[in-house]
Amino acid sequence: MIASGIAKRYARAFFGIAEENNQFEKYYEELENFASCLSENKNLKELLSNPIFDRADKKAVIEAALQRISVSSMTANFLKLLIDKQRMGIFFDIVGCYREFMDHALRKVRVDVKTAFPLSAELTKDLQKGLEELTGKKVEMTVGEDVSLVGGIVVRVGDTLYDGSVKTQLDNIGNFLGA
């Protein structure tokens, strides 16, 4: 809980800078690129997160890592600040909070859709349009298959779950009948 609050403060501060420069999407992409780099290299992630290692050594390592991926000086300075303040352990939380601030500013919502069968391009487009009308925001949709649904669709919009799957309907009927 405390880490979440701290992550939100760092994300808000960096987002404020990004907003002033009208670069919040660019900075988010840079944060995501660095997050991918950390995810792919567990040793790097552990080194940067571990308070035992010297900050100067961590900064040298981060400098070398940043040369492999293209980031602005603002993002590079932000990452170095996280090293100085020993906050790399909550880096992924910071990126998540930053994304929430960015999505809010862009009036965007991320939607996760699960279906039993692949959706046609036309149906995907219609679903996205309907969700945009429902939410009043631009929808960034991820569609996946889940054969356990039997049929129907499950849509997650933020914390709200719309479950129109045959599996859930059958489970509900079974519960109602006392099976």
N, C-alpha and C. Protein backbone atom coordinates (compact mmCIF):
# COMPACT_ATOMS: atom_id res chain seq x y z
N MET A 1 0.83 -1.19 0.00
CA MET A 1 0.00 0.00 0.00
C MET A 1 0.87 1.25 0.00
N ILE A 2 1.91 1.27 0.84
CA ILE A 2 2.79 2.43 0.90
C ILE A 2 3.53 2.58 -0.42
N ALA A 3 4.05 1.47 -0.97
CA ALA A 3 4.77 1.52 -2.24
C ALA A 3 3.87 2.08 -3.33
N SER A 4 2.59 1.72 -3.31
CA SER A 4 1.66 2.21 -4.31
C SER A 4 1.52 3.73 -4.23
N GLY A 5 1.42 4.26 -3.03
CA GLY A 5 1.32 5.71 -2.84
C GLY A 5 2.59 6.42 -3.29
N ILE A 6 3.72 5.83 -2.98
CA ILE A 6 5.00 6.41 -3.39
C ILE A 6 5.12 6.35 -4.91
N ALA A 7 4.75 5.22 -5.49
CA ALA A 7 4.81 5.07 -6.95
C ALA A 7 3.92 6.12 -7.62
N LYS A 8 2.76 6.33 -7.05
CA LYS A 8 1.83 7.31 -7.62
C LYS A 8 2.43 8.72 -7.57
N ARG A 9 3.12 9.05 -6.48
CA ARG A 9 3.73 10.38 -6.37
C ARG A 9 4.83 10.58 -7.41
N TYR A 10 5.69 9.58 -7.57
CA TYR A 10 6.75 9.69 -8.58
C TYR A 10 6.15 9.77 -9.98
N ALA A 11 5.15 8.94 -10.24
CA ALA A 11 4.50 8.95 -11.56
C ALA A 11 3.84 10.29 -11.82
N ARG A 12 3.16 10.84 -10.80
CA ARG A 12 2.49 12.13 -10.96
C ARG A 12 3.50 13.23 -11.25
N ALA A 13 4.63 13.20 -10.55
CA ALA A 13 5.66 14.23 -10.75
C ALA A 13 6.23 14.14 -12.17
N PHE A 14 6.56 12.93 -12.61
CA PHE A 14 7.11 12.78 -13.95
C PHE A 14 6.06 13.09 -15.01
N PHE A 15 4.82 12.72 -14.75
CA PHE A 15 3.76 13.02 -15.70
C PHE A 15 3.56 14.53 -15.80
N GLY A 16 3.68 15.24 -14.69
CA GLY A 16 3.56 16.70 -14.72
C GLY A 16 4.60 17.33 -15.63
N ILE A 17 5.82 16.83 -15.55
CA ILE A 17 6.89 17.32 -16.42
C ILE A 17 6.57 16.98 -17.87
N ALA A 18 6.12 15.75 -18.09
CA ALA A 18 5.78 15.32 -19.45
C ALA A 18 4.66 16.15 -20.03
N GLU A 19 3.70 16.48 -19.18
CA GLU A 19 2.55 17.28 -19.62
C GLU A 19 3.00 18.69 -20.01
N GLU A 20 3.89 19.27 -19.20
CA GLU A 20 4.42 20.61 -19.51
C GLU A 20 5.12 20.62 -20.87
N ASN A 21 5.82 19.53 -21.17
CA ASN A 21 6.55 19.42 -22.44
C ASN A 21 5.70 18.83 -23.55
N ASN A 22 4.46 18.49 -23.23
CA ASN A 22 3.54 17.84 -24.17
C ASN A 22 4.18 16.59 -24.78
N GLN A 23 4.78 15.79 -23.91
CA GLN A 23 5.52 14.60 -24.34
C GLN A 23 5.09 13.35 -23.57
N PHE A 24 3.88 13.35 -22.97
CA PHE A 24 3.57 12.22 -22.09
C PHE A 24 3.53 10.88 -22.80
N GLU A 25 3.12 10.84 -24.06
CA GLU A 25 3.14 9.56 -24.78
C GLU A 25 4.57 9.12 -25.10
N LYS A 26 5.40 10.06 -25.49
CA LYS A 26 6.80 9.73 -25.79
C LYS A 26 7.50 9.22 -24.53
N TYR A 27 7.32 9.91 -23.41
CA TYR A 27 7.98 9.49 -22.17
C TYR A 27 7.45 8.14 -21.70
N TYR A 28 6.16 7.89 -21.90
CA TYR A 28 5.61 6.60 -21.52
C TYR A 28 6.25 5.49 -22.36
N GLU A 29 6.39 5.73 -23.65
CA GLU A 29 7.02 4.74 -24.53
C GLU A 29 8.45 4.46 -24.07
N GLU A 30 9.16 5.50 -23.66
CA GLU A 30 10.53 5.32 -23.18
C GLU A 30 10.55 4.52 -21.87
N LEU A 31 9.62 4.82 -20.97
CA LEU A 31 9.53 4.04 -19.73
C LEU A 31 9.22 2.58 -20.03
N GLU A 32 8.31 2.35 -20.97
CA GLU A 32 7.95 0.97 -21.36
C GLU A 32 9.14 0.25 -21.98
N ASN A 33 9.91 0.95 -22.80
CA ASN A 33 11.11 0.33 -23.39
C ASN A 33 12.10 -0.08 -22.31
N PHE A 34 12.28 0.78 -21.32
CA PHE A 34 13.19 0.45 -20.23
C PHE A 34 12.62 -0.69 -19.38
N ALA A 35 11.31 -0.68 -19.18
CA ALA A 35 10.68 -1.77 -18.42
C ALA A 35 10.87 -3.09 -19.15
N SER A 36 10.76 -3.08 -20.47
CA SER A 36 10.99 -4.30 -21.25
C SER A 36 12.43 -4.77 -21.09
N CYS A 37 13.34 -3.84 -21.09
CA CYS A 37 14.76 -4.15 -20.90
C CYS A 37 14.97 -4.82 -19.55
N LEU A 38 14.33 -4.30 -18.51
CA LEU A 38 14.44 -4.89 -17.18
C LEU A 38 13.79 -6.27 -17.12
N SER A 39 12.65 -6.42 -17.78
CA SER A 39 11.95 -7.70 -17.77
C SER A 39 12.76 -8.79 -18.46
N GLU A 40 13.46 -8.40 -19.51
CA GLU A 40 14.26 -9.37 -20.26
C GLU A 40 15.55 -9.73 -19.55
N ASN A 41 16.02 -8.86 -18.67
CA ASN A 41 17.29 -9.09 -17.99
C ASN A 41 17.09 -9.06 -16.48
N LYS A 42 16.84 -10.22 -15.90
CA LYS A 42 16.56 -10.32 -14.46
C LYS A 42 17.75 -9.84 -13.63
N ASN A 43 18.98 -10.11 -14.10
CA ASN A 43 20.14 -9.67 -13.34
C ASN A 43 20.21 -8.14 -13.25
N LEU A 44 19.89 -7.47 -14.35
CA LEU A 44 19.87 -6.01 -14.35
C LEU A 44 18.80 -5.50 -13.39
N LYS A 45 17.64 -6.11 -13.45
CA LYS A 45 16.54 -5.71 -12.56
C LYS A 45 16.93 -5.87 -11.09
N GLU A 46 17.53 -6.99 -10.76
CA GLU A 46 17.94 -7.24 -9.37
C GLU A 46 19.04 -6.29 -8.93
N LEU A 47 19.99 -6.02 -9.81
CA LEU A 47 21.07 -5.10 -9.50
C LEU A 47 20.54 -3.71 -9.18
N LEU A 48 19.65 -3.21 -10.03
CA LEU A 48 19.13 -1.85 -9.86
C LEU A 48 18.19 -1.74 -8.66
N SER A 49 17.53 -2.82 -8.30
CA SER A 49 16.57 -2.79 -7.19
C SER A 49 17.23 -3.05 -5.83
N ASN A 50 18.39 -3.67 -5.83
CA ASN A 50 19.03 -4.09 -4.58
C ASN A 50 19.78 -2.93 -3.93
N PRO A 51 19.41 -2.58 -2.69
CA PRO A 51 20.07 -1.44 -2.02
C PRO A 51 21.52 -1.71 -1.61
N ILE A 52 21.97 -2.94 -1.69
CA ILE A 52 23.34 -3.28 -1.30
C ILE A 52 24.35 -2.68 -2.27
N PHE A 53 23.99 -2.64 -3.55
CA PHE A 53 24.92 -2.14 -4.56
C PHE A 53 25.02 -0.62 -4.50
N ASP A 54 26.20 -0.12 -4.78
CA ASP A 54 26.51 1.30 -4.73
C ASP A 54 25.73 2.07 -5.80
N ARG A 55 25.24 3.24 -5.44
CA ARG A 55 24.47 4.06 -6.38
C ARG A 55 25.30 4.46 -7.60
N ALA A 56 26.55 4.76 -7.39
CA ALA A 56 27.41 5.16 -8.51
C ALA A 56 27.54 4.00 -9.50
N ASP A 57 27.67 2.80 -8.99
CA ASP A 57 27.75 1.63 -9.86
C ASP A 57 26.43 1.44 -10.62
N LYS A 58 25.33 1.63 -9.93
CA LYS A 58 24.02 1.49 -10.57
C LYS A 58 23.85 2.53 -11.68
N LYS A 59 24.30 3.76 -11.40
CA LYS A 59 24.19 4.81 -12.41
C LYS A 59 25.04 4.48 -13.63
N ALA A 60 26.22 3.92 -13.41
CA ALA A 60 27.08 3.53 -14.53
C ALA A 60 26.40 2.44 -15.36
N VAL A 61 25.78 1.50 -14.68
CA VAL A 61 25.08 0.42 -15.37
C VAL A 61 23.88 0.97 -16.14
N ILE A 62 23.15 1.88 -15.50
CA ILE A 62 21.97 2.45 -16.17
C ILE A 62 22.39 3.28 -17.38
N GLU A 63 23.51 3.97 -17.28
CA GLU A 63 24.03 4.73 -18.43
C GLU A 63 24.30 3.79 -19.60
N ALA A 64 24.93 2.67 -19.31
CA ALA A 64 25.23 1.69 -20.36
C ALA A 64 23.95 1.11 -20.95
N ALA A 65 22.98 0.84 -20.10
CA ALA A 65 21.70 0.28 -20.57
C ALA A 65 20.96 1.30 -21.43
N LEU A 66 21.00 2.56 -21.04
CA LEU A 66 20.29 3.60 -21.79
C LEU A 66 20.91 3.88 -23.15
N GLN A 67 22.18 3.53 -23.31
CA GLN A 67 22.81 3.69 -24.62
C GLN A 67 22.27 2.68 -25.62
N ARG A 68 21.75 1.56 -25.10
CA ARG A 68 21.20 0.52 -25.99
C ARG A 68 19.78 0.86 -26.44
N ILE A 69 19.07 1.62 -25.64
CA ILE A 69 17.72 2.05 -26.02
C ILE A 69 17.72 3.57 -26.07
N SER A 70 16.97 4.11 -26.97
CA SER A 70 16.95 5.56 -27.16
C SER A 70 15.93 6.19 -26.20
N VAL A 71 16.43 7.01 -25.27
CA VAL A 71 15.55 7.74 -24.36
C VAL A 71 15.97 9.19 -24.31
N SER A 72 15.01 10.03 -24.01
CA SER A 72 15.30 11.46 -23.87
C SER A 72 16.10 11.71 -22.60
N SER A 73 16.71 12.87 -22.54
CA SER A 73 17.47 13.21 -21.34
C SER A 73 16.54 13.32 -20.13
N MET A 74 15.29 13.72 -20.35
CA MET A 74 14.33 13.84 -19.25
C MET A 74 14.05 12.46 -18.63
N THR A 75 13.82 11.47 -19.47
CA THR A 75 13.57 10.12 -18.96
C THR A 75 14.82 9.55 -18.31
N ALA A 76 15.96 9.78 -18.92
CA ALA A 76 17.23 9.31 -18.34
C ALA A 76 17.44 9.91 -16.96
N ASN A 77 17.17 11.21 -16.83
CA ASN A 77 17.33 11.88 -15.53
C ASN A 77 16.33 11.33 -14.50
N PHE A 78 15.12 11.03 -14.96
CA PHE A 78 14.12 10.45 -14.07
C PHE A 78 14.58 9.09 -13.56
N LEU A 79 15.12 8.28 -14.44
CA LEU A 79 15.60 6.95 -14.03
C LEU A 79 16.77 7.08 -13.05
N LYS A 80 17.63 8.04 -13.27
CA LYS A 80 18.76 8.27 -12.35
C LYS A 80 18.25 8.76 -10.99
N LEU A 81 17.19 9.56 -11.02
CA LEU A 81 16.58 10.02 -9.76
C LEU A 81 16.05 8.82 -8.98
N LEU A 82 15.42 7.89 -9.68
CA LEU A 82 14.92 6.68 -9.01
C LEU A 82 16.06 5.89 -8.39
N ILE A 83 17.21 5.88 -9.04
CA ILE A 83 18.40 5.22 -8.46
C ILE A 83 18.83 5.97 -7.21
N ASP A 84 18.94 7.30 -7.30
CA ASP A 84 19.36 8.11 -6.16
C ASP A 84 18.45 7.93 -4.96
N LYS A 85 17.15 7.85 -5.21
CA LYS A 85 16.17 7.75 -4.12
C LYS A 85 15.86 6.29 -3.75
N GLN A 86 16.58 5.36 -4.36
CA GLN A 86 16.41 3.92 -4.11
C GLN A 86 14.95 3.48 -4.33
N ARG A 87 14.41 3.87 -5.48
CA ARG A 87 13.01 3.56 -5.81
C ARG A 87 12.88 2.64 -7.03
N MET A 88 13.97 2.05 -7.50
CA MET A 88 13.87 1.16 -8.65
C MET A 88 13.06 -0.09 -8.33
N GLY A 89 12.93 -0.42 -7.08
CA GLY A 89 12.13 -1.58 -6.67
C GLY A 89 10.66 -1.41 -6.99
N ILE A 90 10.20 -0.17 -7.14
CA ILE A 90 8.80 0.08 -7.47
C ILE A 90 8.64 0.68 -8.87
N PHE A 91 9.67 0.49 -9.69
CA PHE A 91 9.65 1.06 -11.04
C PHE A 91 8.43 0.63 -11.84
N PHE A 92 8.10 -0.65 -11.81
CA PHE A 92 6.97 -1.14 -12.60
C PHE A 92 5.64 -0.55 -12.10
N ASP A 93 5.54 -0.32 -10.79
CA ASP A 93 4.36 0.34 -10.24
C ASP A 93 4.28 1.79 -10.72
N ILE A 94 5.42 2.44 -10.78
CA ILE A 94 5.48 3.83 -11.26
C ILE A 94 5.02 3.90 -12.71
N VAL A 95 5.49 2.97 -13.53
CA VAL A 95 5.09 2.94 -14.94
C VAL A 95 3.59 2.72 -15.06
N GLY A 96 3.03 1.82 -14.24
CA GLY A 96 1.59 1.58 -14.26
C GLY A 96 0.79 2.81 -13.87
N CYS A 97 1.23 3.51 -12.84
CA CYS A 97 0.55 4.74 -12.41
C CYS A 97 0.66 5.82 -13.48
N TYR A 98 1.84 5.93 -14.08
CA TYR A 98 2.03 6.92 -15.15
C TYR A 98 1.06 6.63 -16.29
N ARG A 99 0.91 5.36 -16.65
CA ARG A 99 -0.01 4.99 -17.73
C ARG A 99 -1.44 5.40 -17.38
N GLU A 100 -1.84 5.22 -16.12
CA GLU A 100 -3.18 5.63 -15.70
C GLU A 100 -3.36 7.14 -15.86
N PHE A 101 -2.37 7.93 -15.47
CA PHE A 101 -2.46 9.38 -15.63
C PHE A 101 -2.55 9.76 -17.11
N MET A 102 -1.74 9.09 -17.93
CA MET A 102 -1.73 9.37 -19.36
C MET A 102 -3.08 9.00 -19.99
N ASP A 103 -3.59 7.83 -19.64
CA ASP A 103 -4.88 7.40 -20.20
C ASP A 103 -5.99 8.37 -19.81
N HIS A 104 -5.96 8.84 -18.59
CA HIS A 104 -6.96 9.81 -18.14
C HIS A 104 -6.87 11.11 -18.95
N ALA A 105 -5.64 11.58 -19.15
CA ALA A 105 -5.44 12.83 -19.90
C ALA A 105 -5.86 12.67 -21.36
N LEU A 106 -5.65 11.49 -21.92
CA LEU A 106 -5.99 11.25 -23.32
C LEU A 106 -7.43 10.77 -23.50
N ARG A 107 -8.14 10.63 -22.38
CA ARG A 107 -9.51 10.09 -22.38
C ARG A 107 -9.53 8.74 -23.09
N LYS A 108 -8.66 7.87 -22.60
CA LYS A 108 -8.49 6.54 -23.18
C LYS A 108 -8.76 5.50 -22.09
N VAL A 109 -9.33 4.39 -22.50
CA VAL A 109 -9.56 3.28 -21.58
C VAL A 109 -9.04 2.00 -22.23
N ARG A 110 -8.43 1.17 -21.43
CA ARG A 110 -7.91 -0.10 -21.92
C ARG A 110 -8.93 -1.19 -21.61
N VAL A 111 -9.24 -1.97 -22.62
CA VAL A 111 -10.28 -2.99 -22.52
C VAL A 111 -9.69 -4.34 -22.88
N ASP A 112 -9.99 -5.34 -22.08
CA ASP A 112 -9.55 -6.71 -22.34
C ASP A 112 -10.77 -7.53 -22.71
N VAL A 113 -10.74 -8.15 -23.89
CA VAL A 113 -11.87 -8.93 -24.39
C VAL A 113 -11.44 -10.38 -24.54
N LYS A 114 -12.24 -11.30 -24.02
CA LYS A 114 -12.01 -12.73 -24.19
C LYS A 114 -13.22 -13.33 -24.89
N THR A 115 -12.96 -14.11 -25.91
CA THR A 115 -14.03 -14.79 -26.64
C THR A 115 -13.66 -16.26 -26.81
N ALA A 116 -14.68 -17.09 -27.06
CA ALA A 116 -14.44 -18.51 -27.27
C ALA A 116 -13.85 -18.76 -28.66
N PHE A 117 -14.17 -17.89 -29.60
CA PHE A 117 -13.72 -18.04 -30.98
C PHE A 117 -13.15 -16.71 -31.47
N PRO A 118 -12.30 -16.74 -32.48
CA PRO A 118 -11.74 -15.48 -33.01
C PRO A 118 -12.84 -14.56 -33.55
N LEU A 119 -12.66 -13.27 -33.32
CA LEU A 119 -13.61 -12.28 -33.85
C LEU A 119 -13.16 -11.82 -35.22
N SER A 120 -14.12 -11.60 -36.10
CA SER A 120 -13.80 -11.05 -37.41
C SER A 120 -13.38 -9.59 -37.24
N ALA A 121 -12.70 -9.06 -38.23
CA ALA A 121 -12.26 -7.66 -38.17
C ALA A 121 -13.46 -6.73 -38.03
N GLU A 122 -14.54 -7.04 -38.74
CA GLU A 122 -15.74 -6.20 -38.69
C GLU A 122 -16.38 -6.24 -37.30
N LEU A 123 -16.46 -7.43 -36.72
CA LEU A 123 -17.05 -7.56 -35.39
C LEU A 123 -16.18 -6.88 -34.34
N THR A 124 -14.87 -6.98 -34.49
CA THR A 124 -13.94 -6.30 -33.57
C THR A 124 -14.13 -4.79 -33.64
N LYS A 125 -14.26 -4.28 -34.86
CA LYS A 125 -14.47 -2.84 -35.06
C LYS A 125 -15.80 -2.39 -34.44
N ASP A 126 -16.86 -3.18 -34.65
CA ASP A 126 -18.18 -2.85 -34.09
C ASP A 126 -18.14 -2.89 -32.56
N LEU A 127 -17.45 -3.89 -32.01
CA LEU A 127 -17.33 -4.00 -30.56
C LEU A 127 -16.59 -2.80 -30.00
N GLN A 128 -15.50 -2.41 -30.65
CA GLN A 128 -14.73 -1.26 -30.19
C GLN A 128 -15.58 0.02 -30.25
N LYS A 129 -16.32 0.18 -31.31
CA LYS A 129 -17.19 1.37 -31.45
C LYS A 129 -18.24 1.39 -30.34
N GLY A 130 -18.85 0.23 -30.07
CA GLY A 130 -19.85 0.15 -29.00
C GLY A 130 -19.26 0.45 -27.64
N LEU A 131 -18.05 -0.04 -27.38
CA LEU A 131 -17.39 0.22 -26.10
C LEU A 131 -17.01 1.69 -25.97
N GLU A 132 -16.64 2.32 -27.08
CA GLU A 132 -16.33 3.75 -27.05
C GLU A 132 -17.57 4.56 -26.73
N GLU A 133 -18.71 4.15 -27.27
CA GLU A 133 -19.97 4.82 -26.97
C GLU A 133 -20.36 4.60 -25.50
N LEU A 134 -20.14 3.37 -25.01
CA LEU A 134 -20.47 3.04 -23.63
C LEU A 134 -19.63 3.83 -22.63
N THR A 135 -18.33 3.92 -22.90
CA THR A 135 -17.42 4.56 -21.95
C THR A 135 -17.25 6.05 -22.19
N GLY A 136 -17.52 6.51 -23.42
CA GLY A 136 -17.29 7.91 -23.75
C GLY A 136 -15.82 8.23 -23.89
N LYS A 137 -15.00 7.18 -24.08
CA LYS A 137 -13.56 7.36 -24.20
C LYS A 137 -13.06 6.56 -25.40
N LYS A 138 -11.85 6.89 -25.81
CA LYS A 138 -11.19 6.12 -26.86
C LYS A 138 -10.79 4.78 -26.24
N VAL A 139 -11.09 3.70 -26.94
CA VAL A 139 -10.85 2.36 -26.42
C VAL A 139 -9.61 1.75 -27.07
N GLU A 140 -8.70 1.28 -26.22
CA GLU A 140 -7.57 0.49 -26.69
C GLU A 140 -7.87 -0.94 -26.26
N MET A 141 -8.16 -1.79 -27.24
CA MET A 141 -8.72 -3.10 -26.97
C MET A 141 -7.71 -4.21 -27.24
N THR A 142 -7.65 -5.16 -26.31
CA THR A 142 -6.88 -6.37 -26.47
C THR A 142 -7.86 -7.52 -26.54
N VAL A 143 -7.81 -8.29 -27.63
CA VAL A 143 -8.74 -9.39 -27.82
C VAL A 143 -7.97 -10.70 -27.75
N GLY A 144 -8.50 -11.63 -26.93
CA GLY A 144 -7.87 -12.93 -26.80
C GLY A 144 -8.92 -14.03 -26.82
N GLU A 145 -8.45 -15.23 -27.06
CA GLU A 145 -9.35 -16.38 -27.10
C GLU A 145 -9.25 -17.15 -25.79
N ASP A 146 -10.40 -17.67 -25.34
CA ASP A 146 -10.46 -18.53 -24.16
C ASP A 146 -11.51 -19.59 -24.45
N VAL A 147 -11.07 -20.76 -24.88
CA VAL A 147 -12.00 -21.82 -25.30
C VAL A 147 -12.85 -22.33 -24.14
N SER A 148 -12.44 -22.07 -22.91
CA SER A 148 -13.23 -22.53 -21.76
C SER A 148 -14.55 -21.76 -21.63
N LEU A 149 -14.70 -20.66 -22.36
CA LEU A 149 -15.93 -19.88 -22.29
C LEU A 149 -17.10 -20.57 -22.99
N VAL A 150 -16.83 -21.55 -23.83
CA VAL A 150 -17.80 -22.29 -24.63
C VAL A 150 -18.39 -21.40 -25.73
N GLY A 151 -18.84 -20.24 -25.42
CA GLY A 151 -19.40 -19.27 -26.36
C GLY A 151 -19.57 -17.95 -25.65
N GLY A 152 -19.91 -16.92 -26.39
CA GLY A 152 -20.13 -15.61 -25.78
C GLY A 152 -18.85 -14.81 -25.66
N ILE A 153 -18.90 -13.84 -24.75
CA ILE A 153 -17.80 -12.88 -24.65
C ILE A 153 -17.69 -12.39 -23.21
N VAL A 154 -16.45 -12.09 -22.79
CA VAL A 154 -16.18 -11.49 -21.49
C VAL A 154 -15.36 -10.23 -21.76
N VAL A 155 -15.84 -9.09 -21.24
CA VAL A 155 -15.17 -7.81 -21.46
C VAL A 155 -14.83 -7.18 -20.12
N ARG A 156 -13.57 -6.80 -19.96
CA ARG A 156 -13.13 -6.11 -18.74
C ARG A 156 -12.76 -4.68 -19.13
N VAL A 157 -13.49 -3.72 -18.53
CA VAL A 157 -13.23 -2.31 -18.73
C VAL A 157 -12.83 -1.76 -17.37
N GLY A 158 -11.52 -1.56 -17.18
CA GLY A 158 -11.04 -1.13 -15.87
C GLY A 158 -11.35 -2.20 -14.84
N ASP A 159 -12.10 -1.81 -13.81
CA ASP A 159 -12.47 -2.75 -12.75
C ASP A 159 -13.82 -3.41 -13.00
N THR A 160 -14.48 -3.08 -14.10
CA THR A 160 -15.81 -3.60 -14.39
C THR A 160 -15.70 -4.79 -15.35
N LEU A 161 -16.40 -5.87 -15.01
CA LEU A 161 -16.39 -7.07 -15.82
C LEU A 161 -17.79 -7.31 -16.37
N TYR A 162 -17.88 -7.40 -17.70
CA TYR A 162 -19.13 -7.74 -18.37
C TYR A 162 -18.98 -9.18 -18.86
N ASP A 163 -19.70 -10.09 -18.24
CA ASP A 163 -19.54 -11.51 -18.56
C ASP A 163 -20.78 -12.03 -19.27
N GLY A 164 -20.67 -12.16 -20.56
CA GLY A 164 -21.77 -12.70 -21.37
C GLY A 164 -21.40 -14.05 -21.93
N SER A 165 -20.61 -14.81 -21.17
CA SER A 165 -20.17 -16.11 -21.65
C SER A 165 -21.21 -17.19 -21.37
N VAL A 166 -21.25 -18.17 -22.23
CA VAL A 166 -22.17 -19.30 -22.05
C VAL A 166 -21.79 -20.06 -20.78
N LYS A 167 -20.50 -20.19 -20.51
CA LYS A 167 -20.03 -20.90 -19.31
C LYS A 167 -20.62 -20.28 -18.05
N THR A 168 -20.56 -18.98 -17.92
CA THR A 168 -21.10 -18.30 -16.74
C THR A 168 -22.61 -18.47 -16.66
N GLN A 169 -23.29 -18.37 -17.80
CA GLN A 169 -24.74 -18.54 -17.79
C GLN A 169 -25.12 -19.95 -17.36
N LEU A 170 -24.37 -20.95 -17.83
CA LEU A 170 -24.64 -22.33 -17.42
C LEU A 170 -24.35 -22.53 -15.93
N ASP A 171 -23.26 -21.92 -15.45
CA ASP A 171 -22.94 -21.99 -14.02
C ASP A 171 -24.05 -21.36 -13.19
N ASN A 172 -24.56 -20.22 -13.64
CA ASN A 172 -25.65 -19.55 -12.91
C ASN A 172 -26.93 -20.39 -12.88
N ILE A 173 -27.24 -21.03 -14.00
CA ILE A 173 -28.41 -21.89 -14.04
C ILE A 173 -28.22 -23.08 -13.09
N GLY A 174 -27.02 -23.65 -13.11
CA GLY A 174 -26.71 -24.76 -12.19
C GLY A 174 -26.85 -24.36 -10.75
N ASN A 175 -26.35 -23.17 -10.40
CA ASN A 175 -26.47 -22.68 -9.02
C ASN A 175 -27.92 -22.43 -8.65
N PHE A 176 -28.70 -21.90 -9.58
CA PHE A 176 -30.10 -21.63 -9.33
C PHE A 176 -30.87 -22.92 -9.10
N LEU A 177 -30.52 -23.96 -9.86
CA LEU A 177 -31.22 -25.25 -9.72
C LEU A 177 -30.68 -26.06 -8.55
N GLY A 178 -29.62 -25.57 -7.92
CA GLY A 178 -29.08 -26.26 -6.76
C GLY A 178 -28.17 -27.44 -7.13
N ALA A 179 -27.65 -27.41 -8.32
CA ALA A 179 -26.81 -28.52 -8.78
C ALA A 179 -25.42 -28.41 -8.22
